[in-house]
Structure formats: structure tokens, C-alpha cells
C-alpha atoms as a PDB file:
ATOM      1  CA  MET A   1      19.322   7.270 -21.384  1.00  0.00           C
ATOM      2  CA  ILE A   2      17.236   4.433 -19.769  1.00  0.00           C
ATOM      3  CA  GLN A   3      18.928   1.155 -19.037  1.00  0.00           C
ATOM      4  CA  GLN A   4      17.846  -1.625 -21.175  1.00  0.00           C
ATOM      5  CA  ASP A   5      17.448  -4.204 -18.448  1.00  0.00           C
ATOM      6  CA  ILE A   6      14.830  -2.013 -16.672  1.00  0.00           C
ATOM      7  CA  ALA A   7      12.382  -2.509 -19.511  1.00  0.00           C
ATOM      8  CA  VAL A   8      12.300  -6.318 -19.140  1.00  0.00           C
ATOM      9  CA  LYS A   9       9.925  -6.374 -16.073  1.00  0.00           C
ATOM     10  CA  PRO A  10       7.404  -3.780 -15.242  1.00  0.00           C
ATOM     11  CA  VAL A  11       8.031  -1.941 -12.002  1.00  0.00           C
ATOM     12  CA  ASP A  12       5.296  -1.916  -9.452  1.00  0.00           C
ATOM     13  CA  ILE A  13       4.871   1.390  -7.584  1.00  0.00           C
ATOM     14  CA  LEU A  14       2.399   1.719  -4.688  1.00  0.00           C
ATOM     15  CA  LEU A  15       1.018   5.242  -4.375  1.00  0.00           C
ATOM     16  CA  VAL A  16      -0.517   5.790  -0.927  1.00  0.00           C
ATOM     17  CA  GLU A  17      -2.385   9.042  -1.454  1.00  0.00           C
ATOM     18  CA  ASP A  18      -5.737  10.238  -0.345  1.00  0.00           C
ATOM     19  CA  ASN A  19      -5.932  13.401  -2.580  1.00  0.00           C
ATOM     20  CA  PRO A  20      -7.556  12.423  -5.940  1.00  0.00           C
ATOM     21  CA  GLY A  21      -6.004  15.429  -7.678  1.00  0.00           C
ATOM     22  CA  ASP A  22      -2.447  14.270  -6.632  1.00  0.00           C
ATOM     23  CA  VAL A  23      -3.195  10.747  -7.759  1.00  0.00           C
ATOM     24  CA  ARG A  24      -4.275  12.005 -11.062  1.00  0.00           C
ATOM     25  CA  LEU A  25      -1.070  14.122 -11.560  1.00  0.00           C
ATOM     26  CA  THR A  26       1.042  11.298 -10.471  1.00  0.00           C
ATOM     27  CA  GLN A  27      -0.701   8.858 -12.955  1.00  0.00           C
ATOM     28  CA  GLU A  28      -0.023  11.484 -15.729  1.00  0.00           C
ATOM     29  CA  ALA A  29       3.516  12.081 -14.819  1.00  0.00           C
ATOM     30  CA  LEU A  30       4.373   8.476 -14.660  1.00  0.00           C
ATOM     31  CA  LYS A  31       2.619   7.814 -17.927  1.00  0.00           C
ATOM     32  CA  ASP A  32       5.073  10.191 -19.608  1.00  0.00           C
ATOM     33  CA  ALA A  33       8.093   8.669 -17.809  1.00  0.00           C
ATOM     34  CA  LYS A  34       8.578   6.149 -20.672  1.00  0.00           C
ATOM     35  CA  LEU A  35       9.181   3.187 -18.213  1.00  0.00           C
ATOM     36  CA  LYS A  36       6.974   0.090 -17.758  1.00  0.00           C
ATOM     37  CA  ILE A  37       5.259   0.947 -14.617  1.00  0.00           C
ATOM     38  CA  ASN A  38       2.261  -0.569 -12.955  1.00  0.00           C
ATOM     39  CA  LEU A  39       1.058   2.058 -10.577  1.00  0.00           C
ATOM     40  CA  HIS A  40      -1.203   0.675  -7.738  1.00  0.00           C
ATOM     41  CA  VAL A  41      -3.112   3.333  -5.690  1.00  0.00           C
ATOM     42  CA  VAL A  42      -4.528   3.085  -2.211  1.00  0.00           C
ATOM     43  CA  ASN A  43      -5.919   6.100  -0.258  1.00  0.00           C
ATOM     44  CA  ASP A  44      -5.294   5.181   3.426  1.00  0.00           C
ATOM     45  CA  GLY A  45      -2.766   3.523   5.665  1.00  0.00           C
ATOM     46  CA  ILE A  46      -4.749   0.439   6.343  1.00  0.00           C
ATOM     47  CA  GLU A  47      -5.158  -0.367   2.768  1.00  0.00           C
ATOM     48  CA  ALA A  48      -1.445   0.415   2.167  1.00  0.00           C
ATOM     49  CA  MET A  49      -0.371  -2.262   4.744  1.00  0.00           C
ATOM     50  CA  ALA A  50      -2.953  -4.729   3.273  1.00  0.00           C
ATOM     51  CA  PHE A  51      -1.451  -4.215  -0.152  1.00  0.00           C
ATOM     52  CA  LEU A  52       2.067  -4.540   0.911  1.00  0.00           C
ATOM     53  CA  ARG A  53       1.418  -7.620   3.050  1.00  0.00           C
ATOM     54  CA  ARG A  54      -0.656  -9.003   0.145  1.00  0.00           C
ATOM     55  CA  GLU A  55      -3.763  -9.575   2.249  1.00  0.00           C
ATOM     56  CA  GLY A  56      -7.453  -9.994   1.424  1.00  0.00           C
ATOM     57  CA  LYS A  57      -8.202  -8.411  -1.824  1.00  0.00           C
ATOM     58  CA  TYR A  58      -4.590  -7.646  -2.497  1.00  0.00           C
ATOM     59  CA  ALA A  59      -3.459 -11.306  -2.239  1.00  0.00           C
ATOM     60  CA  GLU A  60      -2.799 -11.594  -5.912  1.00  0.00           C
ATOM     61  CA  LYS A  61      -1.146  -8.195  -6.253  1.00  0.00           C
ATOM     62  CA  PRO A  62       2.604  -8.186  -7.002  1.00  0.00           C
ATOM     63  CA  PRO A  63       4.931  -6.929  -4.334  1.00  0.00           C
ATOM     64  CA  ALA A  64       5.700  -3.162  -4.512  1.00  0.00           C
ATOM     65  CA  ASP A  65       9.149  -2.262  -5.867  1.00  0.00           C
ATOM     66  CA  LEU A  66       8.709   1.384  -4.570  1.00  0.00           C
ATOM     67  CA  VAL A  67       6.297   3.121  -2.214  1.00  0.00           C
ATOM     68  CA  LEU A  68       5.377   6.774  -2.694  1.00  0.00           C
ATOM     69  CA  LEU A  69       3.817   7.574   0.723  1.00  0.00           C
ATOM     70  CA  ASP A  70       1.908  10.602   1.851  1.00  0.00           C
ATOM     71  CA  LEU A  71       2.103  11.414   5.644  1.00  0.00           C
ATOM     72  CA  ASN A  72      -1.350  12.726   6.152  1.00  0.00           C
ATOM     73  CA  LEU A  73      -3.693   9.812   5.540  1.00  0.00           C
ATOM     74  CA  PRO A  74      -6.965   8.628   6.927  1.00  0.00           C
ATOM     75  CA  LYS A  75      -7.406   5.568   9.149  1.00  0.00           C
ATOM     76  CA  LYS A  76      -3.629   5.142   9.771  1.00  0.00           C
ATOM     77  CA  ASP A  77      -1.175   8.021   9.043  1.00  0.00           C
ATOM     78  CA  GLY A  78       1.965   7.727   6.886  1.00  0.00           C
ATOM     79  CA  ARG A  79       4.234   7.863   9.883  1.00  0.00           C
ATOM     80  CA  GLN A  80       2.582   4.717  11.243  1.00  0.00           C
ATOM     81  CA  VAL A  81       2.750   3.038   7.925  1.00  0.00           C
ATOM     82  CA  LEU A  82       6.436   3.916   7.489  1.00  0.00           C
ATOM     83  CA  ALA A  83       7.193   2.531  10.920  1.00  0.00           C
ATOM     84  CA  GLU A  84       5.404  -0.696  10.072  1.00  0.00           C
ATOM     85  CA  ILE A  85       7.102  -1.086   6.731  1.00  0.00           C
ATOM     86  CA  LYS A  86      10.661  -0.525   8.132  1.00  0.00           C
ATOM     87  CA  GLY A  87       9.744  -2.684  11.260  1.00  0.00           C
ATOM     88  CA  ASP A  88       8.775  -5.727   9.002  1.00  0.00           C
ATOM     89  CA  CYS A  89      11.620  -8.006   7.995  1.00  0.00           C
ATOM     90  CA  ASP A  90       9.626  -8.857   4.760  1.00  0.00           C
ATOM     91  CA  LEU A  91       9.157  -5.259   3.682  1.00  0.00           C
ATOM     92  CA  ARG A  92      11.971  -3.217   5.176  1.00  0.00           C
ATOM     93  CA  ARG A  93      14.058  -3.274   2.000  1.00  0.00           C
ATOM     94  CA  THR A  94      11.303  -1.729   0.038  1.00  0.00           C
ATOM     95  CA  PRO A  95      12.227   1.815  -0.768  1.00  0.00           C
ATOM     96  CA  VAL A  96       9.789   4.396   0.747  1.00  0.00           C
ATOM     97  CA  VAL A  97       9.603   7.888  -0.571  1.00  0.00           C
ATOM     98  CA  ILE A  98       7.677  10.396   1.447  1.00  0.00           C
ATOM     99  CA  VAL A  99       5.826  12.672  -0.701  1.00  0.00           C
ATOM    100  CA  THR A 100       3.880  15.279   1.312  1.00  0.00           C
ATOM    101  CA  THR A 101       2.891  18.877   1.652  1.00  0.00           C
ATOM    102  CA  SER A 102       4.506  19.118   5.103  1.00  0.00           C
ATOM    103  CA  LYS A 103       7.741  21.216   5.273  1.00  0.00           C
ATOM    104  CA  ALA A 104       7.894  20.750   9.047  1.00  0.00           C
ATOM    105  CA  GLU A 105      11.420  19.969  10.294  1.00  0.00           C
ATOM    106  CA  GLU A 106       9.691  17.674  12.917  1.00  0.00           C
ATOM    107  CA  ASP A 107       8.151  15.535  10.126  1.00  0.00           C
ATOM    108  CA  ILE A 108      11.369  15.445   8.215  1.00  0.00           C
ATOM    109  CA  VAL A 109      13.437  14.270  11.167  1.00  0.00           C
ATOM    110  CA  LYS A 110      10.760  11.827  12.328  1.00  0.00           C
ATOM    111  CA  THR A 111      10.449  10.148   8.995  1.00  0.00           C
ATOM    112  CA  TYR A 112      14.280   9.870   8.522  1.00  0.00           C
ATOM    113  CA  ASP A 113      14.403   8.362  12.125  1.00  0.00           C
ATOM    114  CA  LEU A 114      11.822   5.819  10.950  1.00  0.00           C
ATOM    115  CA  HIS A 115      14.201   5.064   7.934  1.00  0.00           C
ATOM    116  CA  ALA A 116      12.450   6.731   5.114  1.00  0.00           C
ATOM    117  CA  ASN A 117      14.667   6.501   1.939  1.00  0.00           C
ATOM    118  CA  CYS A 118      13.721   9.985   0.834  1.00  0.00           C
ATOM    119  CA  TYR A 119      11.682  13.014   1.751  1.00  0.00           C
ATOM    120  CA  VAL A 120      10.087  15.179  -0.895  1.00  0.00           C
ATOM    121  CA  THR A 121       7.852  18.154  -0.336  1.00  0.00           C
ATOM    122  CA  LYS A 122       5.047  18.418  -3.027  1.00  0.00           C
ATOM    123  CA  PRO A 123       5.330  21.604  -5.084  1.00  0.00           C
ATOM    124  CA  LEU A 124       2.113  23.705  -5.561  1.00  0.00           C
ATOM    125  CA  ASP A 125       2.875  24.284  -9.204  1.00  0.00           C
ATOM    126  CA  LEU A 126       1.455  21.775 -11.615  1.00  0.00           C
ATOM    127  CA  ASP A 127       4.589  21.569 -13.872  1.00  0.00           C
ATOM    128  CA  GLN A 128       6.917  21.263 -10.832  1.00  0.00           C
ATOM    129  CA  PHE A 129       4.727  18.527  -9.427  1.00  0.00           C
ATOM    130  CA  ILE A 130       4.904  16.534 -12.658  1.00  0.00           C
ATOM    131  CA  MET A 131       8.671  17.046 -12.794  1.00  0.00           C
ATOM    132  CA  MET A 132       8.994  16.014  -9.179  1.00  0.00           C
ATOM    133  CA  VAL A 133       7.212  12.705  -9.762  1.00  0.00           C
ATOM    134  CA  GLN A 134       9.155  12.159 -13.005  1.00  0.00           C
ATOM    135  CA  SER A 135      12.502  12.749 -11.199  1.00  0.00           C
ATOM    136  CA  ILE A 136      11.641  10.422  -8.327  1.00  0.00           C
ATOM    137  CA  SER A 137      10.679   7.705 -10.830  1.00  0.00           C
ATOM    138  CA  HIS A 138      13.977   8.288 -12.934  1.00  0.00           C
ATOM    139  CA  PHE A 139      16.087   8.196  -9.883  1.00  0.00           C
ATOM    140  CA  TRP A 140      14.642   5.146  -8.135  1.00  0.00           C
ATOM    141  CA  LEU A 141      13.948   3.084 -11.329  1.00  0.00           C
ATOM    142  CA  THR A 142      16.868   3.813 -13.613  1.00  0.00           C
ATOM    143  CA  ILE A 143      19.783   5.080 -11.485  1.00  0.00           C
ATOM    144  CA  VAL A 144      19.433   3.307  -8.134  1.00  0.00           C
ATOM    145  CA  LYS A 145      20.402  -0.345  -8.009  1.00  0.00           C
ATOM    146  CA  LEU A 146      17.738  -2.157  -6.003  1.00  0.00           C
ATOM    147  CA  PRO A 147      17.785  -5.772  -4.826  1.00  0.00           C
ATOM    148  CA  THR A 148      15.800  -7.977  -7.304  1.00  0.00           C
ATOM    149  CA  ASP A 149      13.733  -9.295  -4.471  1.00  0.00           C
ATOM    150  CA  GLY A 150      13.486  -6.461  -1.901  1.00  0.00           C
ATOM    151  CA  ARG A 151      11.255  -8.533   0.454  1.00  0.00           C
END
């Protein structure tokens, strides 16, 4: 059962993903999640940091409540983005879920060393991918208690 206080304010999720297919699947999975979610999408690490810092064309965007971050991104990879987020006192409390195809132990260890909140490997199966996105959103948006101002 979804908590009633969650429905009061939409949750802003930043998806940092360069694969258009994964973006579409994530959008569909979140649409079915029955939560008020504003999904914002950027496709490289430089845009991700501009969005999170609300710079330039993102100046009027709301702060992200949750970041879904791919590791292998153009311009600035996800590891660099994660390091910048967790090194920034205004952003470090924002939960960052790594969502990637990499199963490499080196990537898992490195991202947790950089204080990722969670590491999830993208399944190849369509239904499993949708279930993974819905599970992430359910956990982070209905079960976990987050600060009301994570910045």
C-alpha cells in the first residue's frame, strides 16, 4: 500500500541515461508505478551536473529527489558524476542509484567507495527491466524515509 503523504508532492527523478530504449522503458515503468513522478532525463554527465546544480537551461527545474545514474555516459562518465554529487555539500544527500549493464566487481566497489546509495544491474529481459525500475521507485519513494530537503 502506498503511503498517503507521498501523493501530496510529486517526486522529481533525474534519469541520466544515454540509451533511448532504456529511457523509454523507464518512462513506461514509472508511468505504471501509480506515484506522482516527474521524470527528468539527460543523456550525458555534463547535462546531469548542470541539472543537479540548476544551471543554465535547468535553472528553473526543481531539485532532484532521486538520481538514476548510468555509468557509461558520453562527455563525463557516471563515476565522475557520482564523485561530484557526493563531493558537493548541496547535493550529497540526494540518493543516487547506479543502474548499469556492468556486472564488473571493480565498478561495484568503485561506486560504493564513491558513496552510491545502491547498485543495480540492468536485466536484459523487458519484463525484468520494468520490474526493476518499479522496484527501485517503490523502495526509494514509498519505503525509505528521505530528508524533505535533501540538498
